C-alpha atoms as a PDB file:
ATOM      1  CA  MET A   1      14.469 -11.008  15.070  1.00  0.00           C
ATOM      2  CA  GLU A   2      11.115 -12.300  16.508  1.00  0.00           C
ATOM      3  CA  ASN A   3       8.302 -13.194  14.261  1.00  0.00           C
ATOM      4  CA  ILE A   4       5.079 -11.937  15.150  1.00  0.00           C
ATOM      5  CA  SER A   5       1.568 -12.439  13.513  1.00  0.00           C
ATOM      6  CA  ILE A   6      -0.730  -9.197  14.194  1.00  0.00           C
ATOM      7  CA  ASP A   7      -4.185  -9.543  13.447  1.00  0.00           C
ATOM      8  CA  ASN A   8      -4.952  -5.909  12.949  1.00  0.00           C
ATOM      9  CA  TYR A   9      -7.978  -6.436  10.824  1.00  0.00           C
ATOM     10  CA  SER A  10     -10.557  -5.484  13.420  1.00  0.00           C
ATOM     11  CA  ALA A  11     -14.115  -4.951  12.330  1.00  0.00           C
ATOM     12  CA  TYR A  12     -14.946  -1.345  11.148  1.00  0.00           C
ATOM     13  CA  ASN A  13     -18.181   0.164   9.802  1.00  0.00           C
ATOM     14  CA  TYR A  14     -18.260   0.972   6.187  1.00  0.00           C
ATOM     15  CA  GLU A  15     -20.305   0.986   3.210  1.00  0.00           C
ATOM     16  CA  LYS A  16     -19.656  -0.117  -0.409  1.00  0.00           C
ATOM     17  CA  HIS A  17     -19.406   2.740  -2.900  1.00  0.00           C
ATOM     18  CA  PRO A  18     -22.583   2.680  -5.124  1.00  0.00           C
ATOM     19  CA  GLN A  19     -20.671   2.957  -8.479  1.00  0.00           C
ATOM     20  CA  ILE A  20     -16.899   2.345  -7.852  1.00  0.00           C
ATOM     21  CA  LYS A  21     -15.585  -1.177  -7.274  1.00  0.00           C
ATOM     22  CA  GLY A  22     -13.187  -1.589  -4.504  1.00  0.00           C
ATOM     23  CA  VAL A  23     -13.891   1.892  -2.864  1.00  0.00           C
ATOM     24  CA  GLN A  24     -15.567   2.065   0.714  1.00  0.00           C
ATOM     25  CA  ILE A  25     -17.005   4.793   2.594  1.00  0.00           C
ATOM     26  CA  VAL A  26     -15.633   5.247   5.989  1.00  0.00           C
ATOM     27  CA  ASN A  27     -16.807   7.948   8.370  1.00  0.00           C
ATOM     28  CA  GLY A  28     -18.314   9.701   5.243  1.00  0.00           C
ATOM     29  CA  LEU A  29     -15.189   9.653   3.123  1.00  0.00           C
ATOM     30  CA  ASN A  30     -14.165   7.605   0.013  1.00  0.00           C
ATOM     31  CA  ASN A  31     -11.739   5.298   1.214  1.00  0.00           C
ATOM     32  CA  PHE A  32      -9.454   3.262  -1.470  1.00  0.00           C
ATOM     33  CA  PRO A  33      -6.854   0.634  -1.494  1.00  0.00           C
ATOM     34  CA  ILE A  34      -3.189   1.883  -1.001  1.00  0.00           C
ATOM     35  CA  SER A  35      -2.187  -0.515  -3.987  1.00  0.00           C
ATOM     36  CA  TRP A  36      -4.121   1.873  -6.380  1.00  0.00           C
ATOM     37  CA  LEU A  37      -1.335   4.503  -6.093  1.00  0.00           C
ATOM     38  CA  ASN A  38       0.952   2.349  -7.886  1.00  0.00           C
ATOM     39  CA  ILE A  39      -1.654   1.977 -10.684  1.00  0.00           C
ATOM     40  CA  GLN A  40      -2.207   5.786 -10.584  1.00  0.00           C
ATOM     41  CA  GLY A  41       1.382   6.419 -10.980  1.00  0.00           C
ATOM     42  CA  TYR A  42       1.607   4.102 -14.121  1.00  0.00           C
ATOM     43  CA  CYS A  43      -1.698   5.241 -15.672  1.00  0.00           C
ATOM     44  CA  GLU A  44      -4.632   6.994 -13.971  1.00  0.00           C
ATOM     45  CA  TYR A  45      -7.005   5.887 -16.892  1.00  0.00           C
ATOM     46  CA  GLU A  46      -6.514   2.305 -16.048  1.00  0.00           C
ATOM     47  CA  LEU A  47      -8.056   2.856 -12.738  1.00  0.00           C
ATOM     48  CA  TYR A  48     -11.119   4.544 -14.607  1.00  0.00           C
ATOM     49  CA  LEU A  49     -11.194   1.315 -16.782  1.00  0.00           C
ATOM     50  CA  GLU A  50     -10.967  -1.238 -14.144  1.00  0.00           C
ATOM     51  CA  TYR A  51     -12.824   0.132 -11.190  1.00  0.00           C
ATOM     52  CA  PHE A  52     -15.203   2.888 -12.624  1.00  0.00           C
ATOM     53  CA  LYS A  53     -16.321   1.312 -15.971  1.00  0.00           C
ATOM     54  CA  GLY A  54     -15.846  -2.183 -14.372  1.00  0.00           C
ATOM     55  CA  ILE A  55     -14.035  -3.621 -17.455  1.00  0.00           C
ATOM     56  CA  VAL A  56     -12.661  -7.170 -16.534  1.00  0.00           C
ATOM     57  CA  VAL A  57      -9.453  -8.476 -17.946  1.00  0.00           C
ATOM     58  CA  GLY A  58      -7.530 -11.611 -17.130  1.00  0.00           C
ATOM     59  CA  GLU A  59      -4.321 -11.521 -14.901  1.00  0.00           C
ATOM     60  CA  THR A  60      -1.029 -11.653 -16.489  1.00  0.00           C
ATOM     61  CA  THR A  61       1.284 -14.394 -16.132  1.00  0.00           C
ATOM     62  CA  HIS A  62       3.440 -11.887 -14.062  1.00  0.00           C
ATOM     63  CA  MET A  63       0.762 -11.004 -11.908  1.00  0.00           C
ATOM     64  CA  LYS A  64       0.063 -14.757 -11.045  1.00  0.00           C
ATOM     65  CA  LYS A  65       3.673 -15.342 -10.609  1.00  0.00           C
ATOM     66  CA  GLY A  66       3.733 -12.406  -8.062  1.00  0.00           C
ATOM     67  CA  THR A  67       0.742 -14.101  -5.954  1.00  0.00           C
ATOM     68  CA  GLU A  68       2.381 -17.380  -5.985  1.00  0.00           C
ATOM     69  CA  VAL A  69       5.729 -15.989  -4.461  1.00  0.00           C
ATOM     70  CA  HIS A  70       3.972 -13.827  -2.025  1.00  0.00           C
ATOM     71  CA  GLN A  71       1.818 -16.795  -0.693  1.00  0.00           C
ATOM     72  CA  LYS A  72       5.089 -18.642  -0.310  1.00  0.00           C
ATOM     73  CA  LEU A  73       6.474 -16.351   1.679  1.00  0.00           C
ATOM     74  CA  GLU A  74       3.405 -15.657   4.036  1.00  0.00           C
ATOM     75  CA  ASP A  75       3.110 -19.609   4.636  1.00  0.00           C
ATOM     76  CA  GLU A  76       7.037 -19.702   5.519  1.00  0.00           C
ATOM     77  CA  PHE A  77       6.509 -16.723   8.094  1.00  0.00           C
ATOM     78  CA  ASN A  78       3.508 -18.254   9.571  1.00  0.00           C
ATOM     79  CA  LYS A  79       5.476 -21.435  10.451  1.00  0.00           C
ATOM     80  CA  THR A  80       7.336 -19.705  13.197  1.00  0.00           C
ATOM     81  CA  ALA A  81       4.991 -16.558  13.753  1.00  0.00           C
ATOM     82  CA  LYS A  82       3.707 -16.129  17.398  1.00  0.00           C
ATOM     83  CA  PRO A  83       0.347 -14.231  17.384  1.00  0.00           C
ATOM     84  CA  ALA A  84       0.200 -10.898  19.413  1.00  0.00           C
ATOM     85  CA  SER A  85      -1.885  -7.778  19.460  1.00  0.00           C
ATOM     86  CA  PHE A  86      -0.313  -4.737  17.914  1.00  0.00           C
ATOM     87  CA  LYS A  87      -0.152  -2.823  21.088  1.00  0.00           C
ATOM     88  CA  GLU A  88       2.014  -6.151  22.883  1.00  0.00           C
ATOM     89  CA  THR A  89       4.163  -5.873  19.657  1.00  0.00           C
ATOM     90  CA  LEU A  90       4.784  -2.225  19.947  1.00  0.00           C
ATOM     91  CA  LYS A  91       5.876  -2.677  23.629  1.00  0.00           C
ATOM     92  CA  LEU A  92       8.011  -5.586  22.729  1.00  0.00           C
ATOM     93  CA  SER A  93       9.923  -3.872  20.044  1.00  0.00           C
ATOM     94  CA  GLU A  94      10.927  -1.005  22.564  1.00  0.00           C
ATOM     95  CA  THR A  95      13.558  -3.658  23.555  1.00  0.00           C
ATOM     96  CA  ALA A  96      13.818  -6.389  21.000  1.00  0.00           C
ATOM     97  CA  LYS A  97      13.521  -6.576  17.024  1.00  0.00           C
ATOM     98  CA  THR A  98      10.240  -7.996  15.866  1.00  0.00           C
ATOM     99  CA  LYS A  99       9.000  -8.571  12.419  1.00  0.00           C
ATOM    100  CA  THR A 100       5.499  -8.818  11.110  1.00  0.00           C
ATOM    101  CA  ARG A 101       3.729  -9.523   7.470  1.00  0.00           C
ATOM    102  CA  GLU A 102       0.533  -8.747   5.867  1.00  0.00           C
ATOM    103  CA  MET A 103      -0.690  -6.359   8.560  1.00  0.00           C
ATOM    104  CA  PHE A 104      -3.724  -4.323   7.703  1.00  0.00           C
ATOM    105  CA  VAL A 105      -3.741  -0.631   8.453  1.00  0.00           C
ATOM    106  CA  ILE A 106      -6.418   1.965   7.588  1.00  0.00           C
ATOM    107  CA  GLU A 107      -6.489   5.734   8.064  1.00  0.00           C
ATOM    108  CA  PRO A 108     -10.178   7.119   7.657  1.00  0.00           C
ATOM    109  CA  ASN A 109      -8.920  10.717   7.674  1.00  0.00           C
ATOM    110  CA  TYR A 110      -7.055  10.445   4.424  1.00  0.00           C
ATOM    111  CA  GLY A 111      -9.325   7.625   2.950  1.00  0.00           C
ATOM    112  CA  ILE A 112      -6.562   4.753   2.599  1.00  0.00           C
ATOM    113  CA  ARG A 113      -6.362   1.324   3.467  1.00  0.00           C
ATOM    114  CA  GLY A 114      -4.139  -1.643   2.772  1.00  0.00           C
ATOM    115  CA  PHE A 115      -1.914  -4.572   3.787  1.00  0.00           C
ATOM    116  CA  ILE A 116       1.663  -3.977   4.527  1.00  0.00           C
ATOM    117  CA  ASP A 117       3.985  -6.773   3.212  1.00  0.00           C
ATOM    118  CA  GLU A 118       6.467  -6.539   6.158  1.00  0.00           C
ATOM    119  CA  ILE A 119       7.151  -4.223   9.131  1.00  0.00           C
ATOM    120  CA  GLN A 120      10.377  -4.569  11.100  1.00  0.00           C
ATOM    121  CA  MET A 121      10.007  -2.836  14.390  1.00  0.00           C
ATOM    122  CA  THR A 122      13.379  -2.094  16.275  1.00  0.00           C
ATOM    123  CA  PRO A 123      13.912   0.125  19.509  1.00  0.00           C
ATOM    124  CA  ASP A 124      15.266   2.788  17.048  1.00  0.00           C
ATOM    125  CA  SER A 125      12.829   2.771  14.000  1.00  0.00           C
ATOM    126  CA  PHE A 126       9.882   1.074  12.248  1.00  0.00           C
ATOM    127  CA  ILE A 127      10.770  -0.152   8.775  1.00  0.00           C
ATOM    128  CA  ILE A 128       7.813  -0.436   6.444  1.00  0.00           C
ATOM    129  CA  ILE A 129       8.559  -2.780   3.678  1.00  0.00           C
ATOM    130  CA  ASP A 130       6.835  -3.298   0.373  1.00  0.00           C
ATOM    131  CA  ASP A 131       7.877  -6.144  -1.888  1.00  0.00           C
ATOM    132  CA  LYS A 132       8.072  -5.544  -5.710  1.00  0.00           C
ATOM    133  CA  PRO A 133       9.295  -7.818  -8.712  1.00  0.00           C
ATOM    134  CA  GLY A 134      12.203  -5.966  -9.715  1.00  0.00           C
ATOM    135  CA  ASN A 135      14.963  -3.848  -8.287  1.00  0.00           C
ATOM    136  CA  LYS A 136      14.388  -0.196  -9.654  1.00  0.00           C
ATOM    137  CA  ALA A 137      12.287   2.027  -7.693  1.00  0.00           C
ATOM    138  CA  TYR A 138       9.392   3.727  -9.778  1.00  0.00           C
ATOM    139  CA  SER A 139       7.959   6.851  -8.534  1.00  0.00           C
ATOM    140  CA  SER A 140       4.427   4.868  -8.381  1.00  0.00           C
ATOM    141  CA  GLN A 141       6.018   2.360  -5.836  1.00  0.00           C
ATOM    142  CA  ILE A 142       7.565   4.842  -3.913  1.00  0.00           C
ATOM    143  CA  ASN A 143       4.025   6.634  -3.606  1.00  0.00           C
ATOM    144  CA  GLN A 144       2.512   3.569  -2.343  1.00  0.00           C
ATOM    145  CA  VAL A 145       5.053   2.746   0.291  1.00  0.00           C
ATOM    146  CA  ARG A 146       4.724   6.422   1.480  1.00  0.00           C
ATOM    147  CA  ALA A 147       0.955   5.843   1.936  1.00  0.00           C
ATOM    148  CA  TYR A 148       1.507   2.898   3.928  1.00  0.00           C
ATOM    149  CA  CYS A 149       4.053   4.830   6.177  1.00  0.00           C
ATOM    150  CA  LEU A 150       1.216   7.523   6.464  1.00  0.00           C
ATOM    151  CA  ALA A 151      -1.263   5.144   7.615  1.00  0.00           C
ATOM    152  CA  PHE A 152       0.962   3.491   9.991  1.00  0.00           C
ATOM    153  CA  LYS A 153       2.106   6.676  11.465  1.00  0.00           C
ATOM    154  CA  SER A 154      -1.301   7.337  12.295  1.00  0.00           C
ATOM    155  CA  LEU A 155      -1.796   4.071  14.101  1.00  0.00           C
ATOM    156  CA  ILE A 156       1.360   4.434  16.149  1.00  0.00           C
ATOM    157  CA  GLU A 157       0.028   7.974  17.251  1.00  0.00           C
ATOM    158  CA  LYS A 158      -3.268   6.597  18.390  1.00  0.00           C
ATOM    159  CA  GLN A 159      -1.737   3.482  19.997  1.00  0.00           C
ATOM    160  CA  SER A 160       1.129   5.442  21.900  1.00  0.00           C
ATOM    161  CA  GLU A 161      -1.025   8.580  22.411  1.00  0.00           C
ATOM    162  CA  GLY A 162       1.789  10.572  20.520  1.00  0.00           C
ATOM    163  CA  ASN A 163       4.538   9.197  22.975  1.00  0.00           C
ATOM    164  CA  ASP A 164       6.463   7.207  20.452  1.00  0.00           C
ATOM    165  CA  ASN A 165       8.876   9.227  18.595  1.00  0.00           C
ATOM    166  CA  ARG A 166      10.770   6.340  16.685  1.00  0.00           C
ATOM    167  CA  LYS A 167      11.483   7.437  13.082  1.00  0.00           C
ATOM    168  CA  ILE A 168       9.537   5.757  10.245  1.00  0.00           C
ATOM    169  CA  ILE A 169      11.366   4.453   7.326  1.00  0.00           C
ATOM    170  CA  GLY A 170       9.847   3.185   4.027  1.00  0.00           C
ATOM    171  CA  ALA A 171      11.696   0.465   1.889  1.00  0.00           C
ATOM    172  CA  LEU A 172      11.125  -1.416  -1.276  1.00  0.00           C
ATOM    173  CA  ARG A 173      12.505  -4.883  -1.704  1.00  0.00           C
ATOM    174  CA  GLN A 174      13.035  -7.211  -4.387  1.00  0.00           C
ATOM    175  CA  ARG A 175      10.360  -9.851  -4.065  1.00  0.00           C
ATOM    176  CA  GLY A 176      11.721 -13.216  -2.680  1.00  0.00           C
ATOM    177  CA  THR A 177      15.240 -11.724  -1.760  1.00  0.00           C
ATOM    178  CA  ASP A 178      16.624  -9.827   1.071  1.00  0.00           C
ATOM    179  CA  ASN A 179      17.827  -7.065  -1.544  1.00  0.00           C
ATOM    180  CA  ILE A 180      16.008  -3.675  -0.267  1.00  0.00           C
ATOM    181  CA  PHE A 181      16.763  -1.378  -3.089  1.00  0.00           C
ATOM    182  CA  PHE A 182      15.080   1.814  -1.738  1.00  0.00           C
ATOM    183  CA  THR A 183      15.032   3.466   1.526  1.00  0.00           C
ATOM    184  CA  GLU A 184      13.751   6.893   2.677  1.00  0.00           C
ATOM    185  CA  GLU A 185      12.851   8.360   5.959  1.00  0.00           C
ATOM    186  CA  PHE A 186       9.394   9.164   6.412  1.00  0.00           C
ATOM    187  CA  ASP A 187       9.831  13.053   7.152  1.00  0.00           C
ATOM    188  CA  GLU A 188       7.455  15.989   7.032  1.00  0.00           C
ATOM    189  CA  ASN A 189       8.347  16.805   3.395  1.00  0.00           C
ATOM    190  CA  VAL A 190       7.820  13.214   2.505  1.00  0.00           C
ATOM    191  CA  GLU A 191       4.412  12.999   4.502  1.00  0.00           C
ATOM    192  CA  ASN A 192       3.202  16.413   2.682  1.00  0.00           C
ATOM    193  CA  GLN A 193       3.932  15.096  -0.812  1.00  0.00           C
ATOM    194  CA  ILE A 194       1.870  11.928  -0.232  1.00  0.00           C
ATOM    195  CA  LYS A 195      -1.012  13.674   1.355  1.00  0.00           C
ATOM    196  CA  TYR A 196      -0.993  15.997  -1.760  1.00  0.00           C
ATOM    197  CA  LEU A 197      -1.149  13.102  -4.020  1.00  0.00           C
ATOM    198  CA  ILE A 198      -3.916  11.370  -1.919  1.00  0.00           C
ATOM    199  CA  ASN A 199      -5.801  14.300  -2.130  1.00  0.00           C
ATOM    200  CA  ARG A 200      -5.641  14.104  -5.896  1.00  0.00           C
ATOM    201  CA  MET A 201      -7.100  10.538  -5.631  1.00  0.00           C
ATOM    202  CA  GLN A 202      -9.919  11.636  -3.773  1.00  0.00           C
ATOM    203  CA  GLY A 203     -10.472  14.010  -6.587  1.00  0.00           C
ATOM    204  CA  LEU A 204     -10.557  11.298  -9.001  1.00  0.00           C
ATOM    205  CA  LEU A 205     -13.040   9.507  -6.790  1.00  0.00           C
ATOM    206  CA  ASP A 206     -15.527  12.147  -6.444  1.00  0.00           C
ATOM    207  CA  GLY A 207     -15.136  13.281 -10.040  1.00  0.00           C
ATOM    208  CA  THR A 208     -13.767  16.879  -9.191  1.00  0.00           C
ATOM    209  CA  ARG A 209     -10.639  15.981 -11.344  1.00  0.00           C
ATOM    210  CA  PRO A 210     -10.120  13.902 -14.489  1.00  0.00           C
ATOM    211  CA  PHE A 211      -8.175  10.753 -14.956  1.00  0.00           C
ATOM    212  CA  VAL A 212      -5.236  11.493 -17.085  1.00  0.00           C
ATOM    213  CA  PRO A 213      -3.826   8.574 -19.334  1.00  0.00           C
ATOM    214  CA  THR A 214      -0.205   8.061 -19.786  1.00  0.00           C
ATOM    215  CA  LYS A 215       1.418   9.730 -22.827  1.00  0.00           C
ATOM    216  CA  ASN A 216       4.221   6.471 -22.822  1.00  0.00           C
ATOM    217  CA  PRO A 217       3.539   4.305 -25.758  1.00  0.00           C
ATOM    218  CA  ASN A 218       5.486   1.681 -24.066  1.00  0.00           C
ATOM    219  CA  LYS A 219       2.982   1.608 -20.853  1.00  0.00           C
ATOM    220  CA  CYS A 220       0.104   1.390 -23.512  1.00  0.00           C
ATOM    221  CA  ARG A 221       1.473  -1.536 -25.248  1.00  0.00           C
ATOM    222  CA  SER A 222       1.879  -3.430 -22.018  1.00  0.00           C
ATOM    223  CA  CYS A 223      -1.076  -2.523 -20.336  1.00  0.00           C
ATOM    224  CA  ARG A 224      -3.771  -5.165 -19.663  1.00  0.00           C
ATOM    225  CA  PHE A 225      -6.656  -2.811 -20.897  1.00  0.00           C
ATOM    226  CA  ASN A 226      -4.840  -1.630 -24.114  1.00  0.00           C
ATOM    227  CA  LYS A 227      -7.489  -3.117 -26.378  1.00  0.00           C
ATOM    228  CA  GLU A 228     -10.486  -1.362 -24.132  1.00  0.00           C
ATOM    229  CA  CYS A 229      -8.599   1.841 -23.976  1.00  0.00           C
ATOM    230  CA  GLU A 230      -9.888   4.676 -26.326  1.00  0.00           C
ATOM    231  CA  HIS A 231      -6.473   6.505 -25.540  1.00  0.00           C
ATOM    232  CA  ASN A 232      -4.417   3.752 -26.936  1.00  0.00           C
ATOM    233  CA  LYS A 233      -2.771   4.649 -30.278  1.00  0.00           C
ATOM    234  CA  ASN A 234      -0.608   1.571 -30.840  1.00  0.00           C
END
């Protein structure tokens, strides 16, 4: 498998949201980081506290360790990766297996953007991989990789003018290992589910839907914002 470095972070027009940290306005629509879906699935109110109220708390040891491992993987990959455009890589993958890391994707129509940990392109499929610290697939993590698949599918359709019908597979992998512990094909049913969730997120951002706090006391106890949250009863 050939390592390819793709710089897909091309300039695009956006404005910073006047009230919500981390939200951009692209083509008139609120655009949020795909990683927020992982937080949303854990507790929507955590999003509110950090990005709407602007409460700042320190990173946990677990978060710092994750950043270190992630950077180490990226540095190792770049030692052998060859630079190429996305279009060139797409063509190459029709006959050869390629791998790229940290590729930026943005889908203005749905208001999502992010960096995909790893993409494996083969003559038969595209595998979208998101690295996680454990080996259990939580719904919040599945939602995150599904949104990456949605943004990637949109990019493929634009680049190939709808002529590339290779299947897209979403996968979760234990960070720092080769252990892929969750896979699913990004079919029409899965696509509709993630579109529905993204629509809910847009409702949170524009104020038409309320932020719902978790009812799980275990999540509250381990939350970085538990001292700042009025819903914490522990």
